[in-house]
Amino acid sequence: MPMPKLTSFMLSAFVATACVGMTACDKGGGGKKGKSERLRWVEKPTTGTAEEEGKLIKIPGLAVDFYVPDVLYVYKSCAEASHSPEGPEGKWIPVIRCVTTDGGEESEDDWESEEDEDEDYSGPKTLTIFASEKGDVIINERSTVSMKVQYEQAGFQVQSINYFDEYLAKPGRRGIEVIAQTIDSETGYPEREIRRFIFPKDDVLFIIHVDYAYGDDRSGINSDWERMVWNFQFAEDGPLFQ
């Protein structure tokens, strides 16, 4: 699936900015222990299962469960993604994708080509949870500084970039949230907004990503976002609902 230009930049920019200087990268190298089962899944994804009439998505190889929220305001349909690699280097594996329209995932016809001069894209709005190899990336307070500088140098207006020990009060959900905007060069007003939460689990990096037109229903998107982040559960943490 062709990626929107904003998304492609943000995917590659995170990799570029997460390893700027000694504060953001582990230079000790890998190889101290073998790959986790999660990372082996990232390298060779397999399809999970949908249970409870599609309300519970389980992906055993990645050891994650996703409980589709009972109440959603914007992203009406959630399903397991096709796991076809995305991003400029093909290293980002979609895990879960939620869309504004009924019928599951969007088709390639819903997206404009990367070669199109217009950087906006048509089709349904999406919220995607990606998985990728963590590599040398370290998620900490200091790494937010270099990330912010790189976004701003690329012409993005960063609204906030923050490190959290427990994001949205989710136990053990340690990561970085980025909210940034593209700016119309003629009017000086925001055009699109991106929101992303980046968090590690062992040797795998998870990225929850959404971008949308600046004038869209931000309160509805925010409400859906919080439910989806909370409902993404690692299998070893036990069932989300007892």
C-alpha atoms as a PDB file:
ATOM      1  CA  MET A   1       0.000   0.000   0.000  1.00  0.00           C
ATOM      2  CA  PRO A   2       1.479   3.383  -0.963  1.00  0.00           C
ATOM      3  CA  MET A   3       2.049   5.449   2.144  1.00  0.00           C
ATOM      4  CA  PRO A   4       0.931   9.086   2.367  1.00  0.00           C
ATOM      5  CA  LYS A   5       3.907  11.432   2.181  1.00  0.00           C
ATOM      6  CA  LEU A   6       3.374  12.770   5.703  1.00  0.00           C
ATOM      7  CA  THR A   7       3.281   9.272   7.113  1.00  0.00           C
ATOM      8  CA  SER A   8       6.337   8.188   5.127  1.00  0.00           C
ATOM      9  CA  PHE A   9       8.331  11.125   6.406  1.00  0.00           C
ATOM     10  CA  MET A  10       7.315  10.527   9.982  1.00  0.00           C
ATOM     11  CA  LEU A  11       8.138   6.851   9.778  1.00  0.00           C
ATOM     12  CA  SER A  12      11.631   7.492   8.408  1.00  0.00           C
ATOM     13  CA  ALA A  13      12.177  10.582  10.546  1.00  0.00           C
ATOM     14  CA  PHE A  14      11.705   8.635  13.743  1.00  0.00           C
ATOM     15  CA  VAL A  15      14.416   6.183  12.778  1.00  0.00           C
ATOM     16  CA  ALA A  16      16.727   9.041  11.795  1.00  0.00           C
ATOM     17  CA  THR A  17      16.123  11.147  14.885  1.00  0.00           C
ATOM     18  CA  ALA A  18      16.042   8.364  17.453  1.00  0.00           C
ATOM     19  CA  CYS A  19      19.740   7.693  16.937  1.00  0.00           C
ATOM     20  CA  VAL A  20      21.256  11.176  17.058  1.00  0.00           C
ATOM     21  CA  GLY A  21      24.082  11.315  19.569  1.00  0.00           C
ATOM     22  CA  MET A  22      25.016   9.134  22.492  1.00  0.00           C
ATOM     23  CA  THR A  23      21.931  10.116  24.461  1.00  0.00           C
ATOM     24  CA  ALA A  24      19.570   8.431  22.034  1.00  0.00           C
ATOM     25  CA  CYS A  25      21.395   5.325  20.831  1.00  0.00           C
ATOM     26  CA  ASP A  26      22.832   2.251  22.406  1.00  0.00           C
ATOM     27  CA  LYS A  27      26.278   1.906  20.912  1.00  0.00           C
ATOM     28  CA  GLY A  28      27.039  -1.310  22.717  1.00  0.00           C
ATOM     29  CA  GLY A  29      25.732  -3.366  19.837  1.00  0.00           C
ATOM     30  CA  GLY A  30      23.366  -6.298  19.793  1.00  0.00           C
ATOM     31  CA  GLY A  31      23.859  -9.987  19.827  1.00  0.00           C
ATOM     32  CA  LYS A  32      23.925 -10.456  23.589  1.00  0.00           C
ATOM     33  CA  LYS A  33      20.885 -12.661  23.387  1.00  0.00           C
ATOM     34  CA  GLY A  34      18.800 -14.292  20.728  1.00  0.00           C
ATOM     35  CA  LYS A  35      15.829 -12.758  18.986  1.00  0.00           C
ATOM     36  CA  SER A  36      12.551 -12.819  20.844  1.00  0.00           C
ATOM     37  CA  GLU A  37       9.525 -14.596  19.428  1.00  0.00           C
ATOM     38  CA  ARG A  38       8.032 -11.142  18.864  1.00  0.00           C
ATOM     39  CA  LEU A  39      10.922 -10.053  16.659  1.00  0.00           C
ATOM     40  CA  ARG A  40      10.756 -13.295  14.709  1.00  0.00           C
ATOM     41  CA  TRP A  41       7.092 -12.465  14.062  1.00  0.00           C
ATOM     42  CA  VAL A  42       8.062  -8.989  12.789  1.00  0.00           C
ATOM     43  CA  GLU A  43      10.513 -10.592  10.368  1.00  0.00           C
ATOM     44  CA  LYS A  44       7.970 -13.177   9.214  1.00  0.00           C
ATOM     45  CA  PRO A  45       4.407 -12.165  10.215  1.00  0.00           C
ATOM     46  CA  THR A  46       1.624 -14.706  10.543  1.00  0.00           C
ATOM     47  CA  THR A  47      -2.101 -14.101  10.742  1.00  0.00           C
ATOM     48  CA  GLY A  48      -3.853 -14.126  14.087  1.00  0.00           C
ATOM     49  CA  THR A  49      -7.469 -14.828  14.950  1.00  0.00           C
ATOM     50  CA  ALA A  50     -10.626 -12.855  15.597  1.00  0.00           C
ATOM     51  CA  GLU A  51     -12.779 -14.021  18.486  1.00  0.00           C
ATOM     52  CA  GLU A  52     -15.925 -12.929  20.308  1.00  0.00           C
ATOM     53  CA  GLU A  53     -17.618 -11.902  17.052  1.00  0.00           C
ATOM     54  CA  GLY A  54     -14.619  -9.892  15.947  1.00  0.00           C
ATOM     55  CA  LYS A  55     -14.339  -7.901  19.173  1.00  0.00           C
ATOM     56  CA  LEU A  56     -11.084  -9.575  20.231  1.00  0.00           C
ATOM     57  CA  ILE A  57      -8.094  -9.814  17.878  1.00  0.00           C
ATOM     58  CA  LYS A  58      -5.334 -12.170  19.041  1.00  0.00           C
ATOM     59  CA  ILE A  59      -1.934 -12.433  17.354  1.00  0.00           C
ATOM     60  CA  PRO A  60      -0.089 -15.201  19.232  1.00  0.00           C
ATOM     61  CA  GLY A  61       3.263 -14.861  17.457  1.00  0.00           C
ATOM     62  CA  LEU A  62       3.480 -11.198  18.416  1.00  0.00           C
ATOM     63  CA  ALA A  63       1.895 -11.996  21.792  1.00  0.00           C
ATOM     64  CA  VAL A  64      -0.618  -9.148  21.605  1.00  0.00           C
ATOM     65  CA  ASP A  65      -4.368  -8.889  22.010  1.00  0.00           C
ATOM     66  CA  PHE A  66      -6.495  -6.011  20.778  1.00  0.00           C
ATOM     67  CA  TYR A  67      -9.956  -5.478  22.190  1.00  0.00           C
ATOM     68  CA  VAL A  68     -12.054  -3.469  19.746  1.00  0.00           C
ATOM     69  CA  PRO A  69     -13.650  -0.705  21.852  1.00  0.00           C
ATOM     70  CA  ASP A  70     -17.414  -0.931  22.271  1.00  0.00           C
ATOM     71  CA  VAL A  71     -17.761   2.807  21.665  1.00  0.00           C
ATOM     72  CA  LEU A  72     -15.925   4.547  18.811  1.00  0.00           C
ATOM     73  CA  TYR A  73     -16.727   7.980  17.437  1.00  0.00           C
ATOM     74  CA  VAL A  74     -14.515   8.316  14.359  1.00  0.00           C
ATOM     75  CA  TYR A  75     -12.761   5.025  13.563  1.00  0.00           C
ATOM     76  CA  LYS A  76     -15.760   2.769  13.099  1.00  0.00           C
ATOM     77  CA  SER A  77     -14.089  -0.426  11.917  1.00  0.00           C
ATOM     78  CA  CYS A  78     -11.010  -2.195  13.351  1.00  0.00           C
ATOM     79  CA  ALA A  79      -9.357  -5.341  12.004  1.00  0.00           C
ATOM     80  CA  GLU A  80      -6.057  -7.160  11.860  1.00  0.00           C
ATOM     81  CA  ALA A  81      -3.949  -5.575   9.128  1.00  0.00           C
ATOM     82  CA  SER A  82      -2.576  -7.515   6.164  1.00  0.00           C
ATOM     83  CA  HIS A  83       0.995  -7.243   7.594  1.00  0.00           C
ATOM     84  CA  SER A  84       2.449  -6.169   4.250  1.00  0.00           C
ATOM     85  CA  PRO A  85       5.579  -4.116   5.060  1.00  0.00           C
ATOM     86  CA  GLU A  86       5.158  -0.353   4.818  1.00  0.00           C
ATOM     87  CA  GLY A  87       7.317   2.733   5.201  1.00  0.00           C
ATOM     88  CA  PRO A  88      10.197   3.946   3.018  1.00  0.00           C
ATOM     89  CA  GLU A  89      12.424   1.005   3.917  1.00  0.00           C
ATOM     90  CA  GLY A  90       9.690  -1.596   4.223  1.00  0.00           C
ATOM     91  CA  LYS A  91      10.470  -2.265   7.857  1.00  0.00           C
ATOM     92  CA  TRP A  92       7.171  -1.263   9.472  1.00  0.00           C
ATOM     93  CA  ILE A  93       4.661  -4.086   9.832  1.00  0.00           C
ATOM     94  CA  PRO A  94       1.017  -3.027  10.302  1.00  0.00           C
ATOM     95  CA  VAL A  95      -0.570  -4.994  13.122  1.00  0.00           C
ATOM     96  CA  ILE A  96      -4.012  -3.434  13.664  1.00  0.00           C
ATOM     97  CA  ARG A  97      -5.761  -0.897  11.443  1.00  0.00           C
ATOM     98  CA  CYS A  98      -8.889   1.061  12.291  1.00  0.00           C
ATOM     99  CA  VAL A  99     -10.720   3.066   9.626  1.00  0.00           C
ATOM    100  CA  THR A 100     -13.544   5.569   9.460  1.00  0.00           C
ATOM    101  CA  THR A 101     -15.544   3.561   6.952  1.00  0.00           C
ATOM    102  CA  ASP A 102     -17.184   0.146   7.214  1.00  0.00           C
ATOM    103  CA  GLY A 103     -15.639  -2.842   5.528  1.00  0.00           C
ATOM    104  CA  GLY A 104     -12.178  -3.238   6.990  1.00  0.00           C
ATOM    105  CA  GLU A 105      -8.949  -2.024   5.463  1.00  0.00           C
ATOM    106  CA  GLU A 106      -8.642   0.554   2.717  1.00  0.00           C
ATOM    107  CA  SER A 107      -7.599  -0.449  -0.764  1.00  0.00           C
ATOM    108  CA  GLU A 108      -4.714   0.981  -2.734  1.00  0.00           C
ATOM    109  CA  ASP A 109      -7.218   2.908  -4.860  1.00  0.00           C
ATOM    110  CA  ASP A 110      -8.143   4.940  -1.776  1.00  0.00           C
ATOM    111  CA  TRP A 111      -4.650   6.477  -1.641  1.00  0.00           C
ATOM    112  CA  GLU A 112      -2.902   8.916  -3.928  1.00  0.00           C
ATOM    113  CA  SER A 113       0.462   7.948  -5.373  1.00  0.00           C
ATOM    114  CA  GLU A 114       3.671   9.096  -3.746  1.00  0.00           C
ATOM    115  CA  GLU A 115       4.469  10.670  -7.105  1.00  0.00           C
ATOM    116  CA  ASP A 116       1.439  12.975  -6.897  1.00  0.00           C
ATOM    117  CA  GLU A 117       2.461  16.588  -6.371  1.00  0.00           C
ATOM    118  CA  ASP A 118      -0.397  17.100  -3.936  1.00  0.00           C
ATOM    119  CA  GLU A 119       0.736  15.849  -0.536  1.00  0.00           C
ATOM    120  CA  ASP A 120      -2.823  15.425   0.720  1.00  0.00           C
ATOM    121  CA  TYR A 121      -4.467  12.060   0.152  1.00  0.00           C
ATOM    122  CA  SER A 122      -7.992  10.836  -0.237  1.00  0.00           C
ATOM    123  CA  GLY A 123      -9.739   7.847   1.246  1.00  0.00           C
ATOM    124  CA  PRO A 124     -10.722   6.867   4.759  1.00  0.00           C
ATOM    125  CA  LYS A 125      -8.953   8.157   7.815  1.00  0.00           C
ATOM    126  CA  THR A 126      -6.906   5.449   9.488  1.00  0.00           C
ATOM    127  CA  LEU A 127      -5.306   4.679  12.809  1.00  0.00           C
ATOM    128  CA  THR A 128      -2.572   2.063  12.534  1.00  0.00           C
ATOM    129  CA  ILE A 129      -0.537   0.143  15.082  1.00  0.00           C
ATOM    130  CA  PHE A 130       2.843  -0.845  13.622  1.00  0.00           C
ATOM    131  CA  ALA A 131       5.587  -3.156  14.871  1.00  0.00           C
ATOM    132  CA  SER A 132       9.255  -2.930  13.910  1.00  0.00           C
ATOM    133  CA  GLU A 133      12.654  -4.095  15.082  1.00  0.00           C
ATOM    134  CA  LYS A 134      13.802  -1.934  17.992  1.00  0.00           C
ATOM    135  CA  GLY A 135      17.467  -2.133  17.074  1.00  0.00           C
ATOM    136  CA  ASP A 136      19.585   0.530  18.759  1.00  0.00           C
ATOM    137  CA  VAL A 137      16.672   2.851  19.508  1.00  0.00           C
ATOM    138  CA  ILE A 138      16.398   3.928  23.145  1.00  0.00           C
ATOM    139  CA  ILE A 139      13.209   5.528  24.416  1.00  0.00           C
ATOM    140  CA  ASN A 140      14.000   8.049  27.119  1.00  0.00           C
ATOM    141  CA  GLU A 141      13.536  11.681  28.105  1.00  0.00           C
ATOM    142  CA  ARG A 142      16.677  12.925  26.392  1.00  0.00           C
ATOM    143  CA  SER A 143      15.894  11.365  23.021  1.00  0.00           C
ATOM    144  CA  THR A 144      12.900  13.709  22.684  1.00  0.00           C
ATOM    145  CA  VAL A 145      15.252  16.684  22.265  1.00  0.00           C
ATOM    146  CA  SER A 146      16.942  15.450  19.077  1.00  0.00           C
ATOM    147  CA  MET A 147      13.618  14.241  17.686  1.00  0.00           C
ATOM    148  CA  LYS A 148      12.042  17.669  18.142  1.00  0.00           C
ATOM    149  CA  VAL A 149      14.960  19.431  16.443  1.00  0.00           C
ATOM    150  CA  GLN A 150      14.813  17.137  13.430  1.00  0.00           C
ATOM    151  CA  TYR A 151      11.058  17.584  12.959  1.00  0.00           C
ATOM    152  CA  GLU A 152      11.396  21.346  13.129  1.00  0.00           C
ATOM    153  CA  GLN A 153      14.328  21.394  10.711  1.00  0.00           C
ATOM    154  CA  ALA A 154      12.175  19.441   8.261  1.00  0.00           C
ATOM    155  CA  GLY A 155       9.504  22.148   8.432  1.00  0.00           C
ATOM    156  CA  PHE A 156       7.067  20.607  10.882  1.00  0.00           C
ATOM    157  CA  GLN A 157       5.540  22.506  13.756  1.00  0.00           C
ATOM    158  CA  VAL A 158       5.881  20.366  16.872  1.00  0.00           C
ATOM    159  CA  GLN A 159       3.027  20.901  19.288  1.00  0.00           C
ATOM    160  CA  SER A 160       4.380  18.529  21.899  1.00  0.00           C
ATOM    161  CA  ILE A 161       6.865  15.706  22.285  1.00  0.00           C
ATOM    162  CA  ASN A 162       6.920  14.048  25.680  1.00  0.00           C
ATOM    163  CA  TYR A 163       8.280  10.974  27.401  1.00  0.00           C
ATOM    164  CA  PHE A 164       5.921   8.997  29.663  1.00  0.00           C
ATOM    165  CA  ASP A 165       6.664   6.274  32.200  1.00  0.00           C
ATOM    166  CA  GLU A 166       3.006   5.180  32.025  1.00  0.00           C
ATOM    167  CA  TYR A 167       1.183   6.593  29.031  1.00  0.00           C
ATOM    168  CA  LEU A 168      -2.522   7.262  29.692  1.00  0.00           C
ATOM    169  CA  ALA A 169      -2.010   5.556  33.069  1.00  0.00           C
ATOM    170  CA  LYS A 170      -1.473   2.218  31.289  1.00  0.00           C
ATOM    171  CA  PRO A 171       0.783   0.154  33.592  1.00  0.00           C
ATOM    172  CA  GLY A 172       4.167  -0.495  32.034  1.00  0.00           C
ATOM    173  CA  ARG A 173       3.366   1.472  28.871  1.00  0.00           C
ATOM    174  CA  ARG A 174       6.567   3.515  28.669  1.00  0.00           C
ATOM    175  CA  GLY A 175       7.128   5.606  25.553  1.00  0.00           C
ATOM    176  CA  ILE A 176       7.188   8.889  23.662  1.00  0.00           C
ATOM    177  CA  GLU A 177       4.185  10.789  22.300  1.00  0.00           C
ATOM    178  CA  VAL A 178       4.625  13.155  19.353  1.00  0.00           C
ATOM    179  CA  ILE A 179       2.032  15.656  18.142  1.00  0.00           C
ATOM    180  CA  ALA A 180       3.125  17.705  15.129  1.00  0.00           C
ATOM    181  CA  GLN A 181       1.570  19.633  12.257  1.00  0.00           C
ATOM    182  CA  THR A 182       2.257  20.473   8.661  1.00  0.00           C
ATOM    183  CA  ILE A 183       1.829  24.172   7.898  1.00  0.00           C
ATOM    184  CA  ASP A 184       0.319  25.815   4.815  1.00  0.00           C
ATOM    185  CA  SER A 185       3.118  27.967   3.394  1.00  0.00           C
ATOM    186  CA  GLU A 186       0.691  30.600   2.098  1.00  0.00           C
ATOM    187  CA  THR A 187      -1.629  31.025   5.071  1.00  0.00           C
ATOM    188  CA  GLY A 188       0.673  29.961   7.887  1.00  0.00           C
ATOM    189  CA  TYR A 189      -2.104  27.834   9.358  1.00  0.00           C
ATOM    190  CA  PRO A 190      -1.890  24.095  10.108  1.00  0.00           C
ATOM    191  CA  GLU A 191      -2.979  21.708   7.339  1.00  0.00           C
ATOM    192  CA  ARG A 192      -2.582  18.256   8.860  1.00  0.00           C
ATOM    193  CA  GLU A 193      -1.825  16.926  12.307  1.00  0.00           C
ATOM    194  CA  ILE A 194       0.026  13.760  13.259  1.00  0.00           C
ATOM    195  CA  ARG A 195      -0.198  11.968  16.561  1.00  0.00           C
ATOM    196  CA  ARG A 196       2.078   9.098  17.399  1.00  0.00           C
ATOM    197  CA  PHE A 197       2.950   7.034  20.444  1.00  0.00           C
ATOM    198  CA  ILE A 198       6.193   5.028  20.261  1.00  0.00           C
ATOM    199  CA  PHE A 199       6.918   2.351  22.860  1.00  0.00           C
ATOM    200  CA  PRO A 200       9.277  -0.621  23.156  1.00  0.00           C
ATOM    201  CA  LYS A 201       8.689  -4.182  24.261  1.00  0.00           C
ATOM    202  CA  ASP A 202      11.904  -6.177  24.520  1.00  0.00           C
ATOM    203  CA  ASP A 203      13.529  -6.058  21.048  1.00  0.00           C
ATOM    204  CA  VAL A 204      10.405  -4.808  19.229  1.00  0.00           C
ATOM    205  CA  LEU A 205       9.224  -1.237  18.781  1.00  0.00           C
ATOM    206  CA  PHE A 206       5.492  -0.482  18.533  1.00  0.00           C
ATOM    207  CA  ILE A 207       4.163   2.678  16.911  1.00  0.00           C
ATOM    208  CA  ILE A 208       0.563   3.843  17.123  1.00  0.00           C
ATOM    209  CA  HIS A 209       0.051   6.393  14.364  1.00  0.00           C
ATOM    210  CA  VAL A 210      -2.723   8.631  13.098  1.00  0.00           C
ATOM    211  CA  ASP A 211      -2.732  11.738  10.917  1.00  0.00           C
ATOM    212  CA  TYR A 212      -5.723  13.785   9.809  1.00  0.00           C
ATOM    213  CA  ALA A 213      -6.793  17.134   8.397  1.00  0.00           C
ATOM    214  CA  TYR A 214      -6.340  19.799  11.065  1.00  0.00           C
ATOM    215  CA  GLY A 215     -10.010  20.758  11.064  1.00  0.00           C
ATOM    216  CA  ASP A 216     -11.281  17.224  11.690  1.00  0.00           C
ATOM    217  CA  ASP A 217     -13.096  16.112  14.847  1.00  0.00           C
ATOM    218  CA  ARG A 218     -10.136  16.242  17.236  1.00  0.00           C
ATOM    219  CA  SER A 219     -12.212  15.465  20.314  1.00  0.00           C
ATOM    220  CA  GLY A 220     -13.651  12.339  18.699  1.00  0.00           C
ATOM    221  CA  ILE A 221     -10.250  11.257  17.402  1.00  0.00           C
ATOM    222  CA  ASN A 222      -8.718  11.825  20.838  1.00  0.00           C
ATOM    223  CA  SER A 223     -11.444   9.785  22.523  1.00  0.00           C
ATOM    224  CA  ASP A 224     -10.979   6.884  20.094  1.00  0.00           C
ATOM    225  CA  TRP A 225      -7.196   7.126  20.444  1.00  0.00           C
ATOM    226  CA  GLU A 226      -7.301   6.745  24.212  1.00  0.00           C
ATOM    227  CA  ARG A 227      -9.565   3.696  24.007  1.00  0.00           C
ATOM    228  CA  MET A 228      -7.422   2.029  21.353  1.00  0.00           C
ATOM    229  CA  VAL A 229      -4.146   2.622  23.181  1.00  0.00           C
ATOM    230  CA  TRP A 230      -5.628   1.201  26.374  1.00  0.00           C
ATOM    231  CA  ASN A 231      -7.128  -1.811  24.587  1.00  0.00           C
ATOM    232  CA  PHE A 232      -3.823  -2.882  23.019  1.00  0.00           C
ATOM    233  CA  GLN A 233      -2.608  -5.528  25.475  1.00  0.00           C
ATOM    234  CA  PHE A 234       0.498  -7.676  25.716  1.00  0.00           C
ATOM    235  CA  ALA A 235      -0.413 -11.321  26.281  1.00  0.00           C
ATOM    236  CA  GLU A 236       1.909 -11.710  29.278  1.00  0.00           C
ATOM    237  CA  ASP A 237       0.018  -8.945  31.081  1.00  0.00           C
ATOM    238  CA  GLY A 238      -3.100 -11.123  31.171  1.00  0.00           C
ATOM    239  CA  PRO A 239      -6.602 -10.455  29.853  1.00  0.00           C
ATOM    240  CA  LEU A 240      -7.616  -6.814  29.757  1.00  0.00           C
ATOM    241  CA  PHE A 241     -11.076  -7.689  31.008  1.00  0.00           C
ATOM    242  CA  GLN A 242     -11.581 -10.418  33.558  1.00  0.00           C
END
